[in-house]
Amino acid sequence: MSWRTIPLRNVILALLEKRQGVLIDKELIRLLKALRDTTTPSELNRTLMELEICGLVHVQQITKSKRKIERVTSRRYLTIAED
């Protein structure tokens, strides 16, 4: 195991910028394999969840086995009346 100089979250955000802010999970995995030697599915899921909690990406399930990862460009907050 070797140290990685660029965190996975930064790599994912950079890939999303290159792809106009939208990626399918299979495509993301393929691109990550080209850039990094090993990225486990649990590591990827944990990083995507962290990015979604921070409000940087939105992960949407398209089918049972396919997800769409989308970069959030603007934050919109709902008031209590809009909820």
Protein backbone atom coordinates (compact mmCIF):
# COMPACT_ATOMS: atom_id res chain seq x y z
CA MET A 1 0.00 0.00 0.00
CA SER A 2 1.38 3.39 -0.94
CA TRP A 3 0.47 6.89 0.12
CA ARG A 4 -1.67 8.86 -2.27
CA THR A 5 -0.79 12.48 -2.72
CA ILE A 6 -4.21 13.60 -4.00
CA PRO A 7 -7.27 12.63 -1.92
CA LEU A 8 -10.00 10.64 -3.66
CA ARG A 9 -12.57 13.39 -3.13
CA ASN A 10 -10.38 15.86 -5.06
CA VAL A 11 -9.88 13.36 -7.90
CA ILE A 12 -13.66 12.81 -8.16
CA LEU A 13 -14.36 16.55 -8.18
CA ALA A 14 -11.71 17.10 -10.88
CA LEU A 15 -13.20 14.32 -13.03
CA LEU A 16 -16.66 15.85 -12.64
CA GLU A 17 -15.31 19.23 -13.78
CA LYS A 18 -13.81 17.64 -16.89
CA ARG A 19 -17.11 15.91 -17.73
CA GLN A 20 -19.35 18.99 -17.40
CA GLY A 21 -20.43 17.97 -13.90
CA VAL A 22 -22.13 14.63 -14.64
CA LEU A 23 -20.80 11.06 -14.50
CA ILE A 24 -22.29 7.57 -14.35
CA ASP A 25 -20.78 5.39 -11.61
CA LYS A 26 -19.40 2.78 -14.06
CA GLU A 27 -17.64 5.54 -16.00
CA LEU A 28 -16.26 7.02 -12.76
CA ILE A 29 -14.88 3.62 -11.73
CA ARG A 30 -13.24 3.19 -15.15
CA LEU A 31 -11.63 6.64 -14.96
CA LEU A 32 -10.44 6.06 -11.39
CA LYS A 33 -8.80 2.76 -12.40
CA ALA A 34 -6.83 4.64 -15.06
CA LEU A 35 -5.65 7.26 -12.55
CA ARG A 36 -5.22 5.23 -9.36
CA ASP A 37 -4.08 1.67 -8.87
CA THR A 38 -6.74 0.56 -6.38
CA THR A 39 -9.97 2.12 -5.21
CA THR A 40 -12.33 -0.19 -3.37
CA PRO A 41 -16.11 0.10 -3.81
CA SER A 42 -16.52 0.85 -0.10
CA GLU A 43 -13.92 3.64 -0.30
CA LEU A 44 -15.72 5.11 -3.33
CA ASN A 45 -19.14 4.90 -1.64
CA ARG A 46 -17.82 6.51 1.55
CA THR A 47 -16.19 9.36 -0.40
CA LEU A 48 -19.34 9.96 -2.47
CA MET A 49 -21.39 10.05 0.74
CA GLU A 50 -18.98 12.59 2.28
CA LEU A 51 -19.19 14.76 -0.84
CA GLU A 52 -22.99 14.55 -0.81
CA ILE A 53 -23.18 15.47 2.89
CA CYS A 54 -20.92 18.47 2.21
CA GLY A 55 -23.30 19.54 -0.57
CA LEU A 56 -20.71 19.25 -3.34
CA VAL A 57 -22.34 16.43 -5.33
CA HIS A 58 -25.71 14.77 -5.71
CA VAL A 59 -25.90 11.01 -6.23
CA GLN A 60 -29.07 9.72 -7.86
CA GLN A 61 -29.93 6.09 -8.49
CA ILE A 62 -31.04 5.62 -12.11
CA THR A 63 -31.60 1.87 -12.10
CA LYS A 64 -30.93 -0.82 -9.51
CA SER A 65 -27.25 -1.00 -10.42
CA LYS A 66 -26.59 2.41 -12.02
CA ARG A 67 -26.02 5.76 -10.30
CA LYS A 68 -25.62 9.28 -11.65
CA ILE A 69 -23.14 11.53 -9.88
CA GLU A 70 -23.78 15.22 -10.47
CA ARG A 71 -21.79 18.23 -9.27
CA VAL A 72 -23.90 20.75 -7.35
CA THR A 73 -23.35 24.22 -8.77
CA SER A 74 -25.54 26.35 -6.53
CA ARG A 75 -26.98 25.78 -3.11
CA ARG A 76 -30.64 26.49 -2.56
CA TYR A 77 -32.03 26.43 0.92
CA LEU A 78 -35.72 25.95 1.70
CA THR A 79 -37.46 27.94 4.35
CA ILE A 80 -39.96 26.33 6.67
CA ALA A 81 -42.91 27.57 4.60
CA GLU A 82 -41.45 26.06 1.39
CA ASP A 83 -40.90 22.67 2.97
